[in-house]
Amino acid sequence: FWMSLAFSTTVEVLQRGRERYDIFCPPCHSRTGYGDGMIVRRGFTRPASFHIERLREAPPGYLFAVITNGFGAMPDYRQQITPEDRWAIVGYVRALQASQNARLADLPAEAREKLTREQR
C-alpha cells in the first residue's frame, strides 16, 4: 500500500507524520489509533478504530480527505495541517495499521529469520 500514497514514503516522512499525528490526533484517536483517546473517556463520540477492516482497506486519498474535510464529529484540519503534513499523517496511520495487523509472513525473509532466532 505504500506505493498508493501520493508521495514517496521515507523514514523522514513517517517521522514527520508521527510528529503531526501526535500533535493533532491522540485526543480522539489515541496514540495507537484505536479510537479511545481522552475525549472519548470524557463522554464524547468515539471515532472508528484505524484498525478495523474498512479503514485498513480504505484508499489513502480517503484518509487524506477526512483529515482535510472532517467526517462525522471530526472537524476539518485543512487550516491547521498543510497538505504535505496531511499526507505524512496518512503514511503514519498506514504504519500504525501495519504494526497492529502484521503477520510474520508479511516481513522480509531476513527479518523473519532474525525474529525466529531471537525467539529460540
N, C-alpha and C. Protein backbone atom coordinates (compact mmCIF):
# COMPACT_ATOMS: atom_id res chain seq x y z
N PHE A 1 0.80 -1.20 0.00
CA PHE A 1 0.00 0.00 0.00
C PHE A 1 0.84 1.27 0.00
N TRP A 2 2.15 1.16 0.27
CA TRP A 2 2.99 2.36 0.29
C TRP A 2 3.00 3.05 -1.06
N MET A 3 3.00 2.29 -2.13
CA MET A 3 3.08 2.88 -3.45
C MET A 3 1.81 3.64 -3.81
N SER A 4 0.73 3.39 -3.10
CA SER A 4 -0.52 4.07 -3.42
C SER A 4 -0.61 5.46 -2.79
N LEU A 5 0.36 5.82 -1.95
CA LEU A 5 0.36 7.16 -1.39
C LEU A 5 0.79 8.16 -2.45
N ALA A 6 0.49 9.43 -2.23
CA ALA A 6 0.74 10.47 -3.22
C ALA A 6 2.17 10.99 -3.16
N PHE A 7 3.07 10.30 -2.49
CA PHE A 7 4.45 10.75 -2.35
C PHE A 7 5.29 9.55 -1.99
N SER A 8 6.60 9.73 -1.99
CA SER A 8 7.49 8.66 -1.56
C SER A 8 7.48 8.58 -0.04
N THR A 9 7.28 7.40 0.48
CA THR A 9 7.27 7.22 1.92
C THR A 9 8.69 6.91 2.35
N THR A 10 9.28 7.82 3.08
CA THR A 10 10.62 7.65 3.62
C THR A 10 10.53 7.63 5.14
N VAL A 11 11.62 7.28 5.76
CA VAL A 11 11.67 7.32 7.23
C VAL A 11 11.38 8.73 7.71
N GLU A 12 11.91 9.72 7.00
CA GLU A 12 11.69 11.11 7.40
C GLU A 12 10.22 11.49 7.30
N VAL A 13 9.54 11.05 6.24
CA VAL A 13 8.12 11.35 6.09
C VAL A 13 7.33 10.68 7.20
N LEU A 14 7.65 9.43 7.53
CA LEU A 14 6.94 8.74 8.60
C LEU A 14 7.20 9.40 9.95
N GLN A 15 8.43 9.86 10.17
CA GLN A 15 8.72 10.57 11.42
C GLN A 15 7.91 11.87 11.49
N ARG A 16 7.85 12.60 10.39
CA ARG A 16 7.06 13.83 10.35
C ARG A 16 5.58 13.50 10.57
N GLY A 17 5.10 12.44 9.95
CA GLY A 17 3.72 12.03 10.14
C GLY A 17 3.43 11.68 11.58
N ARG A 18 4.36 11.00 12.23
CA ARG A 18 4.15 10.67 13.65
C ARG A 18 4.13 11.94 14.50
N GLU A 19 5.04 12.87 14.22
CA GLU A 19 5.06 14.12 14.97
C GLU A 19 3.73 14.86 14.83
N ARG A 20 3.24 15.00 13.62
CA ARG A 20 1.99 15.70 13.36
C ARG A 20 0.82 14.92 13.97
N TYR A 21 0.81 13.60 13.80
CA TYR A 21 -0.24 12.76 14.39
C TYR A 21 -0.26 12.97 15.90
N ASP A 22 0.91 12.92 16.54
CA ASP A 22 0.98 13.05 18.00
C ASP A 22 0.50 14.41 18.49
N ILE A 23 0.54 15.42 17.63
CA ILE A 23 0.05 16.75 18.00
C ILE A 23 -1.46 16.83 17.88
N PHE A 24 -2.02 16.35 16.77
CA PHE A 24 -3.42 16.59 16.46
C PHE A 24 -4.38 15.44 16.76
N CYS A 25 -3.93 14.21 16.73
CA CYS A 25 -4.86 13.08 16.68
C CYS A 25 -5.15 12.34 17.98
N PRO A 26 -4.20 12.19 18.91
CA PRO A 26 -4.45 11.38 20.10
C PRO A 26 -5.64 11.76 20.98
N PRO A 27 -6.03 13.04 21.08
CA PRO A 27 -7.18 13.31 21.95
C PRO A 27 -8.42 12.48 21.59
N CYS A 28 -8.60 12.18 20.33
CA CYS A 28 -9.74 11.36 19.91
C CYS A 28 -9.31 9.93 19.57
N HIS A 29 -8.28 9.81 18.75
CA HIS A 29 -7.91 8.51 18.19
C HIS A 29 -6.96 7.71 19.07
N SER A 30 -6.33 8.32 20.05
CA SER A 30 -5.28 7.76 20.92
C SER A 30 -4.00 7.60 20.12
N ARG A 31 -2.91 7.41 20.82
CA ARG A 31 -1.61 7.28 20.14
C ARG A 31 -1.53 6.01 19.31
N THR A 32 -2.34 5.01 19.64
CA THR A 32 -2.29 3.75 18.91
C THR A 32 -3.35 3.63 17.82
N GLY A 33 -4.26 4.60 17.74
CA GLY A 33 -5.25 4.60 16.67
C GLY A 33 -6.49 3.76 16.91
N TYR A 34 -6.72 3.36 18.15
CA TYR A 34 -7.89 2.53 18.44
C TYR A 34 -9.16 3.33 18.73
N GLY A 35 -9.07 4.65 18.70
CA GLY A 35 -10.27 5.47 18.90
C GLY A 35 -10.68 5.61 20.35
N ASP A 36 -9.73 5.44 21.25
CA ASP A 36 -10.05 5.52 22.68
C ASP A 36 -9.25 6.63 23.36
N GLY A 37 -9.19 7.78 22.71
CA GLY A 37 -8.47 8.91 23.25
C GLY A 37 -9.17 9.54 24.46
N MET A 38 -8.54 10.53 25.02
CA MET A 38 -9.02 11.15 26.26
C MET A 38 -10.43 11.72 26.13
N ILE A 39 -10.76 12.35 25.00
CA ILE A 39 -12.10 12.94 24.91
C ILE A 39 -13.18 11.86 24.91
N VAL A 40 -12.84 10.69 24.40
CA VAL A 40 -13.80 9.58 24.42
C VAL A 40 -14.05 9.18 25.87
N ARG A 41 -13.00 9.15 26.66
CA ARG A 41 -13.14 8.81 28.07
C ARG A 41 -13.92 9.87 28.84
N ARG A 42 -14.06 11.05 28.24
CA ARG A 42 -14.82 12.15 28.85
C ARG A 42 -16.25 12.21 28.33
N GLY A 43 -16.65 11.21 27.52
CA GLY A 43 -18.03 11.12 27.09
C GLY A 43 -18.33 11.60 25.68
N PHE A 44 -17.32 12.01 24.92
CA PHE A 44 -17.55 12.46 23.55
C PHE A 44 -17.61 11.26 22.60
N THR A 45 -18.07 11.51 21.40
CA THR A 45 -18.24 10.47 20.39
C THR A 45 -16.93 9.75 20.11
N ARG A 46 -17.01 8.43 20.09
CA ARG A 46 -15.83 7.60 19.82
C ARG A 46 -15.63 7.49 18.31
N PRO A 47 -14.42 7.82 17.81
CA PRO A 47 -14.16 7.61 16.38
C PRO A 47 -13.90 6.14 16.11
N ALA A 48 -14.01 5.77 14.86
CA ALA A 48 -13.70 4.39 14.48
C ALA A 48 -12.22 4.12 14.70
N SER A 49 -11.91 2.90 15.05
CA SER A 49 -10.52 2.48 15.14
C SER A 49 -9.92 2.45 13.75
N PHE A 50 -8.66 2.87 13.62
CA PHE A 50 -7.97 2.76 12.33
C PHE A 50 -7.71 1.31 11.97
N HIS A 51 -7.91 0.41 12.92
CA HIS A 51 -7.54 -0.99 12.73
C HIS A 51 -8.70 -1.87 12.26
N ILE A 52 -9.87 -1.27 12.06
CA ILE A 52 -10.97 -2.06 11.51
C ILE A 52 -10.72 -2.26 10.01
N GLU A 53 -11.26 -3.33 9.47
CA GLU A 53 -11.01 -3.67 8.08
C GLU A 53 -11.37 -2.54 7.12
N ARG A 54 -12.51 -1.89 7.35
CA ARG A 54 -12.94 -0.82 6.44
C ARG A 54 -11.88 0.27 6.30
N LEU A 55 -11.25 0.65 7.40
CA LEU A 55 -10.24 1.71 7.33
C LEU A 55 -8.87 1.18 6.92
N ARG A 56 -8.58 -0.08 7.21
CA ARG A 56 -7.33 -0.66 6.69
C ARG A 56 -7.38 -0.77 5.17
N GLU A 57 -8.59 -1.01 4.64
CA GLU A 57 -8.75 -1.18 3.19
C GLU A 57 -9.04 0.13 2.46
N ALA A 58 -9.34 1.19 3.18
CA ALA A 58 -9.68 2.48 2.55
C ALA A 58 -8.47 3.01 1.78
N PRO A 59 -8.71 3.61 0.61
CA PRO A 59 -7.59 4.19 -0.12
C PRO A 59 -6.98 5.35 0.66
N PRO A 60 -5.70 5.60 0.49
CA PRO A 60 -5.05 6.71 1.19
C PRO A 60 -5.76 8.04 0.97
N GLY A 61 -6.29 8.25 -0.22
CA GLY A 61 -6.98 9.50 -0.51
C GLY A 61 -8.20 9.71 0.37
N TYR A 62 -8.84 8.62 0.78
CA TYR A 62 -9.98 8.73 1.69
C TYR A 62 -9.52 9.30 3.03
N LEU A 63 -8.43 8.75 3.57
CA LEU A 63 -7.92 9.25 4.85
C LEU A 63 -7.51 10.72 4.73
N PHE A 64 -6.86 11.07 3.63
CA PHE A 64 -6.46 12.45 3.38
C PHE A 64 -7.69 13.36 3.34
N ALA A 65 -8.74 12.90 2.66
CA ALA A 65 -9.97 13.71 2.54
C ALA A 65 -10.64 13.90 3.90
N VAL A 66 -10.63 12.88 4.73
CA VAL A 66 -11.24 13.01 6.06
C VAL A 66 -10.45 14.01 6.91
N ILE A 67 -9.12 13.95 6.85
CA ILE A 67 -8.32 14.93 7.59
C ILE A 67 -8.61 16.33 7.05
N THR A 68 -8.72 16.45 5.75
CA THR A 68 -8.93 17.75 5.11
C THR A 68 -10.31 18.32 5.39
N ASN A 69 -11.35 17.50 5.23
CA ASN A 69 -12.74 17.97 5.25
C ASN A 69 -13.51 17.62 6.52
N GLY A 70 -12.94 16.76 7.36
CA GLY A 70 -13.67 16.28 8.52
C GLY A 70 -14.64 15.18 8.12
N PHE A 71 -15.22 14.53 9.13
CA PHE A 71 -16.19 13.47 8.88
C PHE A 71 -16.91 13.20 10.19
N GLY A 72 -18.22 13.18 10.16
CA GLY A 72 -18.99 12.95 11.38
C GLY A 72 -18.65 14.01 12.42
N ALA A 73 -18.24 13.57 13.60
CA ALA A 73 -17.91 14.50 14.67
C ALA A 73 -16.51 15.11 14.50
N MET A 74 -15.72 14.58 13.58
CA MET A 74 -14.36 15.09 13.39
C MET A 74 -14.38 16.38 12.58
N PRO A 75 -13.75 17.43 13.11
CA PRO A 75 -13.68 18.68 12.34
C PRO A 75 -12.66 18.57 11.21
N ASP A 76 -12.71 19.53 10.29
CA ASP A 76 -11.69 19.57 9.25
C ASP A 76 -10.41 20.17 9.81
N TYR A 77 -9.29 19.75 9.23
CA TYR A 77 -7.97 20.24 9.66
C TYR A 77 -7.23 20.91 8.51
N ARG A 78 -7.95 21.36 7.49
CA ARG A 78 -7.29 21.95 6.33
C ARG A 78 -6.52 23.21 6.69
N GLN A 79 -6.98 23.98 7.65
CA GLN A 79 -6.28 25.21 8.04
C GLN A 79 -5.09 24.92 8.97
N GLN A 80 -5.22 23.91 9.79
CA GLN A 80 -4.20 23.63 10.79
C GLN A 80 -3.04 22.78 10.27
N ILE A 81 -3.31 21.92 9.28
CA ILE A 81 -2.30 20.96 8.82
C ILE A 81 -2.09 21.14 7.32
N THR A 82 -0.85 21.36 6.92
CA THR A 82 -0.54 21.54 5.49
C THR A 82 -0.84 20.26 4.71
N PRO A 83 -1.08 20.36 3.41
CA PRO A 83 -1.30 19.14 2.62
C PRO A 83 -0.16 18.13 2.75
N GLU A 84 1.08 18.60 2.75
CA GLU A 84 2.21 17.67 2.89
C GLU A 84 2.17 16.94 4.22
N ASP A 85 1.84 17.66 5.27
CA ASP A 85 1.75 17.02 6.58
C ASP A 85 0.54 16.10 6.68
N ARG A 86 -0.56 16.43 5.99
CA ARG A 86 -1.71 15.51 5.97
C ARG A 86 -1.31 14.19 5.33
N TRP A 87 -0.55 14.26 4.22
CA TRP A 87 -0.09 13.02 3.58
C TRP A 87 0.87 12.28 4.49
N ALA A 88 1.72 13.00 5.20
CA ALA A 88 2.64 12.34 6.14
C ALA A 88 1.85 11.63 7.24
N ILE A 89 0.79 12.25 7.73
CA ILE A 89 -0.07 11.61 8.73
C ILE A 89 -0.71 10.35 8.15
N VAL A 90 -1.17 10.42 6.92
CA VAL A 90 -1.74 9.23 6.27
C VAL A 90 -0.70 8.12 6.23
N GLY A 91 0.53 8.45 5.86
CA GLY A 91 1.59 7.45 5.85
C GLY A 91 1.82 6.85 7.23
N TYR A 92 1.80 7.69 8.25
CA TYR A 92 1.99 7.20 9.60
C TYR A 92 0.82 6.33 10.05
N VAL A 93 -0.41 6.71 9.71
CA VAL A 93 -1.57 5.88 10.04
C VAL A 93 -1.43 4.51 9.38
N ARG A 94 -0.97 4.48 8.13
CA ARG A 94 -0.74 3.19 7.47
C ARG A 94 0.30 2.37 8.22
N ALA A 95 1.35 3.03 8.72
CA ALA A 95 2.36 2.31 9.51
C ALA A 95 1.75 1.79 10.81
N LEU A 96 0.91 2.60 11.46
CA LEU A 96 0.21 2.14 12.67
C LEU A 96 -0.64 0.91 12.36
N GLN A 97 -1.37 0.99 11.26
CA GLN A 97 -2.23 -0.13 10.87
C GLN A 97 -1.39 -1.38 10.64
N ALA A 98 -0.28 -1.22 9.93
CA ALA A 98 0.59 -2.37 9.66
C ALA A 98 1.16 -2.94 10.95
N SER A 99 1.51 -2.07 11.89
CA SER A 99 2.11 -2.55 13.13
C SER A 99 1.14 -3.37 13.96
N GLN A 100 -0.13 -3.09 13.85
CA GLN A 100 -1.12 -3.78 14.67
C GLN A 100 -1.75 -4.98 13.95
N ASN A 101 -1.50 -5.10 12.67
CA ASN A 101 -2.15 -6.15 11.89
C ASN A 101 -1.17 -6.96 11.06
N ALA A 102 0.11 -6.86 11.38
CA ALA A 102 1.13 -7.55 10.60
C ALA A 102 1.15 -9.04 10.94
N ARG A 103 1.50 -9.81 9.96
CA ARG A 103 1.71 -11.24 10.14
C ARG A 103 3.19 -11.52 9.91
N LEU A 104 3.71 -12.55 10.50
CA LEU A 104 5.11 -12.91 10.31
C LEU A 104 5.43 -13.05 8.83
N ALA A 105 4.50 -13.60 8.07
CA ALA A 105 4.71 -13.81 6.64
C ALA A 105 4.85 -12.49 5.87
N ASP A 106 4.39 -11.39 6.45
CA ASP A 106 4.49 -10.08 5.79
C ASP A 106 5.91 -9.52 5.82
N LEU A 107 6.74 -10.02 6.72
CA LEU A 107 8.09 -9.49 6.88
C LEU A 107 9.02 -10.05 5.81
N PRO A 108 10.06 -9.29 5.46
CA PRO A 108 11.09 -9.82 4.57
C PRO A 108 11.75 -11.04 5.21
N ALA A 109 12.28 -11.93 4.40
CA ALA A 109 12.86 -13.19 4.89
C ALA A 109 13.90 -12.96 5.98
N GLU A 110 14.78 -11.98 5.80
CA GLU A 110 15.84 -11.76 6.80
C GLU A 110 15.27 -11.32 8.14
N ALA A 111 14.20 -10.53 8.13
CA ALA A 111 13.56 -10.10 9.39
C ALA A 111 12.87 -11.29 10.05
N ARG A 112 12.22 -12.14 9.25
CA ARG A 112 11.57 -13.35 9.81
C ARG A 112 12.62 -14.24 10.47
N GLU A 113 13.75 -14.43 9.81
CA GLU A 113 14.82 -15.29 10.35
C GLU A 113 15.34 -14.71 11.66
N LYS A 114 15.56 -13.41 11.70
CA LYS A 114 16.07 -12.77 12.92
C LYS A 114 15.09 -12.96 14.07
N LEU A 115 13.79 -12.75 13.83
CA LEU A 115 12.79 -12.94 14.88
C LEU A 115 12.74 -14.38 15.34
N THR A 116 12.83 -15.29 14.41
CA THR A 116 12.79 -16.71 14.74
C THR A 116 14.00 -17.09 15.61
N ARG A 117 15.19 -16.58 15.25
CA ARG A 117 16.41 -16.85 16.05
C ARG A 117 16.26 -16.27 17.45
N GLU A 118 15.70 -15.05 17.56
CA GLU A 118 15.57 -14.39 18.86
C GLU A 118 14.58 -15.10 19.77
N GLN A 119 13.62 -15.82 19.20
CA GLN A 119 12.61 -16.50 20.00
C GLN A 119 13.09 -17.84 20.50
N ARG A 120 14.20 -18.33 20.00
CA ARG A 120 14.70 -19.63 20.45
C ARG A 120 15.40 -19.55 21.76
